[in-house]
Amino acid sequence: MFDKLTQRLGTALDALRGRGRITEENIADALRQVRMALLEADVALPVVKTFVEAVKARALGIEVSRSLTPGQTFIKIVHDELVSVMGGAGAELNLRVPPPLVVLLAGLQGAGKTTTAAKLATWLKSQGKKRVLLASVDVYRPAAVLQLERLAAQIDVGFFPVPANAIPEEIAAAALVQARQGLYDALIVDTAGRLHVDAEMMEEVRRIDRALTPNERLFIVDSMAGQDAVNAARAFGSALDLTGIILTKADGDARGGAALSVRQITGKPILFLGVGEKTAALEAFNPERIASRILGMGDVLGLVEQVEQQVDREKTEKLARKLSQGREFDFTDLRDQLAQVRQMGGLGALLEKLPAQLARTGAMPAPLDERQLKRQVAIIDSMTPRERRRPNLIDGSRKRRIAAGAGVQVQDVNRLLKQFLQMQKTMKQFSKGGLARMLRGMGGRMP
């Protein structure tokens, strides 16, 4: 989400890295570039002004002039102010309430409320071990109700069916009764959206709010909405006593301005980021880690947590044992690895969390998009079990058969075979302690 902002801020701050002395002139030039980078990222003007003034006040003070590394200290100030703009210490859902925890989701049409309802239910189910009931009060769009019902079945949580001819607040009240009687731990209510903010929608969401008296009122905002996100946040903030914000589509080509603006405009914390289409693609929002990612420092801790939660530990340990016994990495192993990478949002999503300096060393592979990953899995699926175990058997005629079965060109099969051989060689080095040597070699280039 922050690619362009990271690039522009990196250019602005690189000039100050390693400077032995910081002057008002070179700070002014860096701040000018920082201001332009933020405005291009669609950050609201009042937020940009506040941010730049805060950085300037700290940078020209004793904090930088007395530092042994003024350039790095200036970068730390920018980092700290980014954290401050996005809300300081990471906020969390208040789960310490008498059940059921009632969560009301509000936002514009197309922001991703229905999908977010399922993602939040998945998060509560996996993190908090909660029994969740999903309900939709969108009486205007039957497809939204059907979508939520299917998602509820997919993630194995409860769903409250919409009574015929009922009005939204009546559905909400009935869902709350069902949640209490069914001994559910949480009720998530998905409201109707509109293409734009209007008085009728605001009045309806107020009535639903009165019927539910929710513990959490979450505003769902599309990260790619730019300045529209700020205007919508302001309108919903005045209509409801919001408790938090969820930014959706953060894995898309968003400029990132919404993340830096919405918190400041509403005064409410960002709780989660939606980072993909899958129901597990919801990350707790941590301002400090996001600020590190914006400044190209990565979020290695977040990556470790994601791997721990989503990687199949049994398969990973099995592969480790296999390699330690001197047996070769084969295409079945590669297919398992590709499937796990897809489950975590693709290689690009993982590389985003690594420090930019590490990515530039060339130690990491070029990101594969979802289509490439699917194509590679299809090629492996077209191989026989024997070919997967012994890739050296794959000659010209076998390549043509595999390509035809996968619906790709022979060149694609050749490309995958070449990548596989490189990976097989790397895995052999890792099994002999090569990973430790590689990390020691890169030690001097880590941030």
Protein backbone atom coordinates (compact mmCIF):
# COMPACT_ATOMS: atom_id res chain seq x y z
CA MET A 1 0.00 0.00 0.00
CA PHE A 2 2.81 2.44 0.85
CA ASP A 3 5.16 1.67 -2.08
CA LYS A 4 5.17 5.15 -3.65
CA LEU A 5 5.26 6.93 -0.29
CA THR A 6 8.15 4.71 0.83
CA GLN A 7 10.04 5.50 -2.37
CA ARG A 8 9.55 9.27 -2.09
CA LEU A 9 10.37 9.42 1.62
CA GLY A 10 13.40 7.22 1.01
CA THR A 11 14.71 9.71 -1.57
CA ALA A 12 14.10 12.62 0.82
CA LEU A 13 15.81 10.97 3.78
CA ASP A 14 18.71 9.29 1.96
CA ALA A 15 20.35 12.69 1.56
CA LEU A 16 20.52 13.04 5.35
CA ARG A 17 21.71 9.51 6.19
CA GLY A 18 25.24 9.56 7.53
CA ARG A 19 25.44 13.38 7.68
CA GLY A 20 27.83 14.50 10.38
CA ARG A 21 26.07 17.83 10.71
CA ILE A 22 22.44 18.84 10.22
CA THR A 23 21.69 22.44 9.26
CA GLU A 24 18.46 24.37 8.90
CA GLU A 25 19.04 24.45 5.13
CA ASN A 26 19.36 20.70 4.50
CA ILE A 27 16.51 19.96 6.93
CA ALA A 28 14.33 22.48 5.05
CA ASP A 29 15.07 20.70 1.78
CA ALA A 30 14.30 17.26 3.27
CA LEU A 31 11.05 18.54 4.81
CA ARG A 32 10.00 20.02 1.48
CA GLN A 33 10.36 16.60 -0.13
CA VAL A 34 8.60 14.92 2.81
CA ARG A 35 5.69 17.38 2.40
CA MET A 36 5.44 16.62 -1.33
CA ALA A 37 5.59 12.88 -0.70
CA LEU A 38 2.73 13.05 1.82
CA LEU A 39 0.55 15.24 -0.43
CA GLU A 40 1.13 12.90 -3.40
CA ALA A 41 0.07 10.01 -1.15
CA ASP A 42 -3.31 11.72 -0.64
CA VAL A 43 -2.68 12.63 2.99
CA ALA A 44 -5.09 15.40 4.07
CA LEU A 45 -3.51 18.87 4.01
CA PRO A 46 -4.16 19.69 7.72
CA VAL A 47 -2.46 16.40 8.66
CA VAL A 48 0.55 17.19 6.43
CA LYS A 49 0.94 20.65 8.01
CA THR A 50 0.76 19.29 11.56
CA PHE A 51 3.21 16.49 10.76
CA VAL A 52 5.83 18.68 9.04
CA GLU A 53 5.70 21.34 11.77
CA ALA A 54 6.15 18.70 14.49
CA VAL A 55 9.15 17.16 12.70
CA LYS A 56 10.72 20.57 12.08
CA ALA A 57 10.32 21.67 15.72
CA ARG A 58 12.04 18.51 16.98
CA ALA A 59 14.69 18.43 14.24
CA LEU A 60 15.90 21.98 14.86
CA GLY A 61 16.04 21.44 18.61
CA ILE A 62 18.76 20.05 20.83
CA GLU A 63 17.64 16.49 20.03
CA VAL A 64 19.43 16.47 16.65
CA SER A 65 22.26 18.95 17.21
CA ARG A 66 23.65 17.00 20.19
CA SER A 67 23.27 13.61 18.55
CA LEU A 68 26.32 11.65 17.41
CA THR A 69 24.43 10.58 14.26
CA PRO A 70 22.21 13.54 13.30
CA GLY A 71 21.00 11.97 10.03
CA GLN A 72 19.76 8.83 11.74
CA THR A 73 18.24 10.87 14.55
CA PHE A 74 16.26 12.90 12.01
CA ILE A 75 14.94 9.68 10.45
CA LYS A 76 13.95 8.47 13.93
CA ILE A 77 12.03 11.73 14.47
CA VAL A 78 10.13 11.18 11.20
CA HIS A 79 9.40 7.61 12.32
CA ASP A 80 8.15 8.75 15.75
CA GLU A 81 5.90 11.42 14.23
CA LEU A 82 4.44 8.91 11.74
CA VAL A 83 3.62 6.66 14.71
CA SER A 84 2.02 9.63 16.50
CA VAL A 85 -0.11 10.59 13.46
CA MET A 86 -1.37 7.00 13.16
CA GLY A 87 -2.35 6.79 16.80
CA GLY A 88 0.62 5.98 19.01
CA ALA A 89 0.38 2.64 20.81
CA GLY A 90 -1.63 0.03 18.89
CA ALA A 91 -5.31 -0.06 19.95
CA GLU A 92 -7.30 -3.28 20.26
CA LEU A 93 -10.90 -4.47 20.29
CA ASN A 94 -12.30 -4.51 23.82
CA LEU A 95 -13.07 -8.21 24.31
CA ARG A 96 -13.57 -7.88 28.06
CA VAL A 97 -17.30 -7.26 27.95
CA PRO A 98 -20.24 -9.45 29.03
CA PRO A 99 -21.23 -11.62 26.05
CA PRO A 100 -22.28 -11.07 23.44
CA LEU A 101 -19.75 -8.52 22.22
CA VAL A 102 -21.80 -6.43 19.72
CA VAL A 103 -19.92 -4.98 16.74
CA LEU A 104 -21.60 -2.59 14.29
CA LEU A 105 -19.91 -2.11 10.89
CA ALA A 106 -20.64 1.10 8.94
CA GLY A 107 -19.24 2.66 5.78
CA LEU A 108 -19.85 3.52 2.14
CA GLN A 109 -20.93 0.98 -0.48
CA GLY A 110 -17.97 -0.88 -1.96
CA ALA A 111 -15.70 -0.29 1.04
CA GLY A 112 -15.71 -4.02 1.80
CA LYS A 113 -18.00 -4.19 4.85
CA THR A 114 -19.47 -7.63 4.11
CA THR A 115 -16.09 -9.26 3.50
CA THR A 116 -14.69 -7.47 6.55
CA ALA A 117 -17.53 -8.88 8.69
CA ALA A 118 -16.39 -12.41 7.75
CA LYS A 119 -12.71 -11.52 8.27
CA LEU A 120 -13.45 -10.09 11.72
CA ALA A 121 -15.48 -13.21 12.60
CA THR A 122 -12.51 -15.36 11.52
CA TRP A 123 -10.16 -13.24 13.65
CA LEU A 124 -12.42 -13.48 16.73
CA LYS A 125 -12.79 -17.22 16.20
CA SER A 126 -9.04 -17.87 15.86
CA GLN A 127 -7.60 -15.26 18.24
CA GLY A 128 -10.27 -14.98 20.91
CA LYS A 129 -11.85 -18.47 20.54
CA LYS A 130 -15.25 -16.80 20.24
CA ARG A 131 -18.54 -18.22 18.95
CA VAL A 132 -19.66 -15.60 16.42
CA LEU A 133 -23.05 -14.77 14.90
CA LEU A 134 -23.14 -12.74 11.66
CA ALA A 135 -26.16 -10.63 10.68
CA SER A 136 -26.92 -8.32 7.76
CA VAL A 137 -29.41 -5.45 7.93
CA ASP A 138 -28.93 -4.54 4.27
CA VAL A 139 -32.54 -4.91 3.07
CA TYR A 140 -31.76 -3.04 -0.17
CA ARG A 141 -29.22 -5.46 -1.62
CA PRO A 142 -30.25 -9.15 -1.36
CA ALA A 143 -26.89 -10.15 -2.82
CA ALA A 144 -25.17 -8.70 0.26
CA VAL A 145 -27.24 -10.93 2.58
CA LEU A 146 -26.56 -13.99 0.42
CA GLN A 147 -22.84 -13.17 0.29
CA LEU A 148 -22.65 -12.91 4.08
CA GLU A 149 -24.61 -16.16 4.50
CA ARG A 150 -22.17 -18.00 2.22
CA LEU A 151 -19.17 -16.51 3.99
CA ALA A 152 -20.60 -17.55 7.36
CA ALA A 153 -20.96 -21.14 6.10
CA GLN A 154 -17.44 -21.04 4.65
CA ILE A 155 -15.82 -20.02 7.97
CA ASP A 156 -18.24 -22.10 10.07
CA VAL A 157 -19.87 -19.35 12.17
CA GLY A 158 -23.53 -18.59 12.89
CA PHE A 159 -25.72 -16.58 10.51
CA PHE A 160 -28.96 -14.77 11.35
CA PRO A 161 -31.46 -15.01 8.44
CA VAL A 162 -33.23 -11.80 7.43
CA PRO A 163 -36.99 -11.96 8.21
CA ALA A 164 -39.30 -11.07 5.30
CA ASN A 165 -40.42 -7.41 5.09
CA ALA A 166 -38.49 -6.45 8.25
CA ILE A 167 -36.88 -3.03 8.63
CA PRO A 168 -33.15 -2.74 9.48
CA GLU A 169 -33.49 -1.83 13.17
CA GLU A 170 -35.96 -4.70 13.74
CA ILE A 171 -33.52 -7.17 12.14
CA ALA A 172 -30.72 -5.82 14.37
CA ALA A 173 -32.83 -6.18 17.53
CA ALA A 174 -33.92 -9.74 16.58
CA ALA A 175 -30.29 -10.70 15.83
CA LEU A 176 -29.26 -9.45 19.27
CA VAL A 177 -31.97 -11.59 20.92
CA GLN A 178 -30.75 -14.61 18.91
CA ALA A 179 -27.13 -13.94 19.96
CA ARG A 180 -28.14 -13.88 23.63
CA GLN A 181 -30.39 -16.93 23.45
CA GLY A 182 -27.85 -18.89 21.40
CA LEU A 183 -25.08 -18.07 23.92
CA TYR A 184 -22.89 -16.49 21.24
CA ASP A 185 -19.77 -14.63 22.35
CA ALA A 186 -19.99 -12.01 19.61
CA LEU A 187 -22.53 -10.51 17.19
CA ILE A 188 -21.28 -8.70 14.09
CA VAL A 189 -23.86 -6.59 12.23
CA ASP A 190 -23.22 -5.56 8.61
CA THR A 191 -25.13 -2.40 7.62
CA ALA A 192 -26.18 -1.10 4.20
CA GLY A 193 -23.89 1.25 2.33
CA ARG A 194 -24.50 4.03 -0.16
CA LEU A 195 -22.48 5.40 -3.03
CA HIS A 196 -22.17 8.66 -1.11
CA VAL A 197 -23.00 10.08 2.32
CA ASP A 198 -26.66 11.16 2.65
CA ALA A 199 -28.99 12.15 5.49
CA GLU A 200 -31.28 9.13 5.05
CA MET A 201 -28.41 6.65 5.45
CA MET A 202 -27.10 8.45 8.52
CA GLU A 203 -30.52 8.43 10.17
CA GLU A 204 -30.93 4.71 9.44
CA VAL A 205 -27.54 3.81 10.94
CA ARG A 206 -28.43 5.86 14.05
CA ARG A 207 -31.66 3.85 14.48
CA ILE A 208 -29.74 0.58 14.14
CA ASP A 209 -27.24 1.88 16.68
CA ARG A 210 -30.03 2.63 19.17
CA ALA A 211 -31.54 -0.85 18.66
CA LEU A 212 -28.20 -2.56 19.34
CA THR A 213 -26.26 -0.27 21.71
CA PRO A 214 -23.07 -1.87 20.34
CA ASN A 215 -19.80 -2.21 22.23
CA GLU A 216 -17.83 -1.41 19.06
CA ARG A 217 -18.84 0.91 16.21
CA LEU A 218 -16.30 0.36 13.46
CA PHE A 219 -15.98 2.54 10.37
CA ILE A 220 -14.92 0.51 7.31
CA VAL A 221 -12.96 2.59 4.82
CA ASP A 222 -11.39 1.73 1.47
CA SER A 223 -7.64 2.51 1.52
CA MET A 224 -7.84 3.52 -2.15
CA ALA A 225 -10.55 6.13 -1.57
CA GLY A 226 -8.03 8.94 -0.92
CA GLN A 227 -9.61 12.24 0.15
CA ASP A 228 -13.12 10.70 -0.14
CA ALA A 229 -12.17 8.43 2.75
CA VAL A 230 -11.48 11.48 4.91
CA ASN A 231 -14.82 13.11 4.03
CA ALA A 232 -16.74 9.89 4.71
CA ALA A 233 -14.89 9.38 8.00
CA ARG A 234 -15.83 12.88 9.12
CA ALA A 235 -19.53 12.29 8.26
CA PHE A 236 -19.77 8.90 9.98
CA GLY A 237 -17.82 10.23 12.95
CA SER A 238 -20.46 12.91 13.51
CA ALA A 239 -23.36 10.43 13.10
CA LEU A 240 -21.98 7.64 15.31
CA ASP A 241 -19.78 7.50 18.37
CA LEU A 242 -17.15 5.49 16.50
CA THR A 243 -14.75 3.34 18.50
CA GLY A 244 -12.37 2.35 15.71
CA ILE A 245 -11.54 2.07 12.01
CA ILE A 246 -10.74 -0.84 9.68
CA LEU A 247 -8.82 -0.02 6.49
CA THR A 248 -9.68 -2.41 3.64
CA LYS A 249 -7.84 -3.24 0.39
CA ALA A 250 -4.50 -2.29 1.93
CA ASP A 251 -2.84 -4.83 -0.38
CA GLY A 252 -3.94 -2.88 -3.47
CA ASP A 253 -2.27 0.01 -5.28
CA ALA A 254 -3.32 2.52 -2.64
CA ARG A 255 -1.25 5.62 -1.95
CA GLY A 256 -1.56 5.13 1.79
CA GLY A 257 -2.90 8.60 2.58
CA ALA A 258 -6.05 7.23 4.23
CA ALA A 259 -4.00 5.46 6.90
CA LEU A 260 -2.27 8.71 7.82
CA SER A 261 -5.38 10.92 7.58
CA VAL A 262 -8.41 9.04 8.94
CA ARG A 263 -6.96 8.56 12.43
CA GLN A 264 -6.14 12.25 12.75
CA ILE A 265 -9.48 13.45 11.32
CA THR A 266 -11.74 11.20 13.41
CA GLY A 267 -9.59 10.91 16.51
CA LYS A 268 -10.41 7.17 16.50
CA PRO A 269 -7.79 4.39 16.33
CA ILE A 270 -7.21 2.18 13.29
CA LEU A 271 -7.70 -1.36 14.58
CA PHE A 272 -7.19 -3.58 11.53
CA LEU A 273 -5.90 -3.67 7.95
CA GLY A 274 -7.61 -5.83 5.32
CA VAL A 275 -4.71 -7.22 3.25
CA GLY A 276 -6.33 -9.62 0.78
CA GLU A 277 -9.50 -11.34 -0.36
CA LYS A 278 -9.23 -14.42 1.87
CA THR A 279 -11.16 -14.48 5.16
CA ALA A 280 -7.90 -14.79 7.12
CA ALA A 281 -6.44 -11.66 5.47
CA LEU A 282 -6.95 -9.29 8.40
CA GLU A 283 -3.99 -7.83 10.31
CA ALA A 284 -4.03 -5.98 13.60
CA PHE A 285 -2.91 -2.39 12.88
CA ASN A 286 0.33 -1.52 14.65
CA PRO A 287 1.38 2.13 14.03
CA GLU A 288 5.02 1.50 14.92
CA ARG A 289 5.38 -1.40 12.50
CA ILE A 290 3.53 0.46 9.72
CA ALA A 291 5.80 3.49 10.21
CA SER A 292 8.83 1.19 9.91
CA ARG A 293 7.44 -0.24 6.67
CA ILE A 294 6.79 3.25 5.27
CA LEU A 295 10.42 4.19 5.96
CA GLY A 296 11.71 0.98 4.32
CA MET A 297 12.71 -0.66 7.61
CA GLY A 298 10.31 -3.57 7.12
CA ASP A 299 8.17 -5.39 9.66
CA VAL A 300 10.08 -8.57 10.39
CA LEU A 301 8.24 -9.16 13.67
CA GLY A 302 4.90 -8.98 11.83
CA LEU A 303 6.23 -11.40 9.21
CA VAL A 304 7.31 -13.87 11.90
CA GLU A 305 3.87 -13.68 13.53
CA GLN A 306 2.15 -14.24 10.18
CA VAL A 307 4.34 -17.26 9.41
CA GLU A 308 3.68 -18.74 12.86
CA GLN A 309 -0.08 -18.37 12.43
CA GLN A 310 -0.50 -19.45 8.79
CA VAL A 311 2.31 -21.87 7.91
CA ASP A 312 1.57 -25.58 8.22
CA ARG A 313 4.10 -26.48 10.91
CA GLU A 314 3.80 -30.21 10.34
CA LYS A 315 4.72 -29.93 6.64
CA THR A 316 7.56 -27.52 7.41
CA GLU A 317 9.07 -29.85 10.03
CA LYS A 318 8.68 -32.78 7.63
CA LEU A 319 10.61 -30.88 4.93
CA ALA A 320 13.31 -29.87 7.43
CA ARG A 321 13.77 -33.52 8.49
CA LYS A 322 13.91 -34.61 4.86
CA LEU A 323 16.64 -32.08 4.00
CA SER A 324 18.63 -32.85 7.15
CA GLN A 325 18.67 -36.52 6.12
CA GLY A 326 20.33 -35.60 2.83
CA ARG A 327 17.26 -36.26 0.67
CA GLU A 328 16.63 -33.83 -2.18
CA PHE A 329 14.00 -31.11 -2.38
CA ASP A 330 11.45 -32.15 -5.07
CA PHE A 331 8.46 -30.70 -6.92
CA THR A 332 5.97 -32.01 -4.32
CA ASP A 333 7.85 -29.97 -1.69
CA LEU A 334 7.85 -26.93 -3.99
CA ARG A 335 4.09 -27.25 -4.52
CA ASP A 336 3.52 -27.26 -0.75
CA GLN A 337 5.68 -24.15 -0.39
CA LEU A 338 3.85 -22.31 -3.21
CA ALA A 339 0.48 -23.18 -1.65
CA GLN A 340 1.59 -21.74 1.70
CA VAL A 341 2.95 -18.58 0.05
CA ARG A 342 -0.43 -18.09 -1.70
CA GLN A 343 -2.22 -18.58 1.61
CA MET A 344 -0.16 -15.75 3.12
CA GLY A 345 -1.06 -13.33 0.33
CA GLY A 346 1.69 -14.07 -2.18
CA LEU A 347 5.43 -13.47 -2.20
CA GLY A 348 4.99 -9.73 -2.81
CA ALA A 349 2.99 -9.37 0.44
CA LEU A 350 5.76 -11.16 2.36
CA LEU A 351 8.58 -9.14 0.77
CA GLU A 352 6.77 -5.92 1.75
CA LYS A 353 7.54 -6.76 5.36
CA LEU A 354 11.26 -7.23 4.78
CA PRO A 355 13.65 -4.27 5.08
CA ALA A 356 14.19 -2.50 1.75
CA GLN A 357 17.96 -2.86 2.13
CA LEU A 358 17.65 -6.64 2.39
CA ALA A 359 15.49 -6.77 -0.75
CA ARG A 360 18.10 -4.69 -2.61
CA THR A 361 20.92 -7.13 -1.79
CA GLY A 362 19.56 -9.53 -4.40
CA ALA A 363 19.28 -12.25 -1.78
CA MET A 364 15.53 -12.33 -2.22
CA PRO A 365 13.71 -13.55 -5.36
CA ALA A 366 11.69 -11.23 -7.57
CA PRO A 367 8.05 -11.10 -6.40
CA LEU A 368 5.62 -13.49 -8.10
CA ASP A 369 2.07 -12.33 -8.65
CA GLU A 370 -0.98 -14.52 -8.01
CA ARG A 371 -1.24 -15.53 -11.69
CA GLN A 372 2.37 -16.73 -11.81
CA LEU A 373 1.91 -18.74 -8.62
CA LYS A 374 -1.25 -20.36 -10.03
CA ARG A 375 0.56 -21.14 -13.29
CA GLN A 376 3.46 -22.79 -11.47
CA VAL A 377 1.11 -24.91 -9.33
CA ALA A 378 -0.76 -25.95 -12.53
CA ILE A 379 2.52 -27.04 -14.15
CA ILE A 380 3.47 -29.17 -11.12
CA ASP A 381 -0.05 -30.67 -11.04
CA SER A 382 0.42 -31.77 -14.68
CA MET A 383 3.46 -33.84 -13.77
CA THR A 384 3.27 -37.50 -12.80
CA PRO A 385 4.25 -38.41 -9.20
CA ARG A 386 7.45 -39.97 -10.61
CA GLU A 387 8.34 -36.77 -12.51
CA ARG A 388 7.84 -34.70 -9.35
CA ARG A 389 10.25 -36.94 -7.46
CA ARG A 390 12.77 -37.16 -10.33
CA PRO A 391 12.71 -33.93 -12.42
CA ASN A 392 15.72 -35.15 -14.45
CA LEU A 393 13.29 -37.51 -16.27
CA ILE A 394 11.50 -34.54 -17.85
CA ASP A 395 12.68 -34.51 -21.48
CA GLY A 396 11.29 -32.63 -24.50
CA SER A 397 8.21 -34.80 -25.07
CA ARG A 398 7.33 -34.78 -21.36
CA LYS A 399 7.67 -30.99 -21.30
CA ARG A 400 5.19 -30.70 -24.20
CA ARG A 401 2.73 -32.99 -22.41
CA ILE A 402 3.07 -31.08 -19.12
CA ALA A 403 2.66 -27.72 -20.90
CA ALA A 404 -0.49 -28.93 -22.71
CA GLY A 405 -1.96 -30.28 -19.45
CA ALA A 406 -1.31 -27.00 -17.61
CA GLY A 407 -2.45 -24.78 -20.49
CA VAL A 408 0.94 -23.01 -20.73
CA GLN A 409 3.85 -22.76 -23.15
CA VAL A 410 6.88 -25.11 -23.09
CA GLN A 411 8.97 -22.03 -22.22
CA ASP A 412 6.98 -21.69 -18.97
CA VAL A 413 7.84 -25.29 -18.06
CA ASN A 414 11.53 -24.63 -18.87
CA ARG A 415 11.48 -21.49 -16.73
CA LEU A 416 10.01 -23.37 -13.75
CA LEU A 417 12.53 -26.22 -14.14
CA LYS A 418 15.39 -23.69 -14.12
CA GLN A 419 14.02 -21.95 -11.01
CA PHE A 420 13.49 -25.32 -9.35
CA LEU A 421 17.10 -26.39 -9.94
CA GLN A 422 18.33 -23.14 -8.38
CA MET A 423 16.02 -23.66 -5.41
CA GLN A 424 17.11 -27.28 -5.03
CA LYS A 425 20.74 -26.13 -4.92
CA THR A 426 19.88 -23.46 -2.32
CA MET A 427 18.00 -25.98 -0.16
CA LYS A 428 21.04 -28.27 -0.26
CA GLN A 429 23.20 -25.39 1.01
CA PHE A 430 20.71 -24.62 3.79
CA SER A 431 20.75 -28.24 4.96
CA LYS A 432 24.56 -27.92 5.34
CA GLY A 433 24.42 -24.67 7.34
CA GLY A 434 24.50 -22.34 4.34
CA LEU A 435 21.66 -20.19 5.70
CA ALA A 436 23.71 -19.17 8.72
CA ARG A 437 26.65 -18.23 6.47
CA MET A 438 24.38 -16.21 4.16
CA LEU A 439 22.87 -14.27 7.08
CA ARG A 440 26.35 -13.55 8.50
CA GLY A 441 27.39 -12.26 5.08
CA MET A 442 24.45 -9.89 4.93
CA GLY A 443 24.85 -8.75 8.54
CA GLY A 444 26.61 -5.55 7.60
CA ARG A 445 23.82 -4.56 5.21
CA MET A 446 20.91 -5.03 7.62
CA PRO A 447 19.31 -1.80 8.86
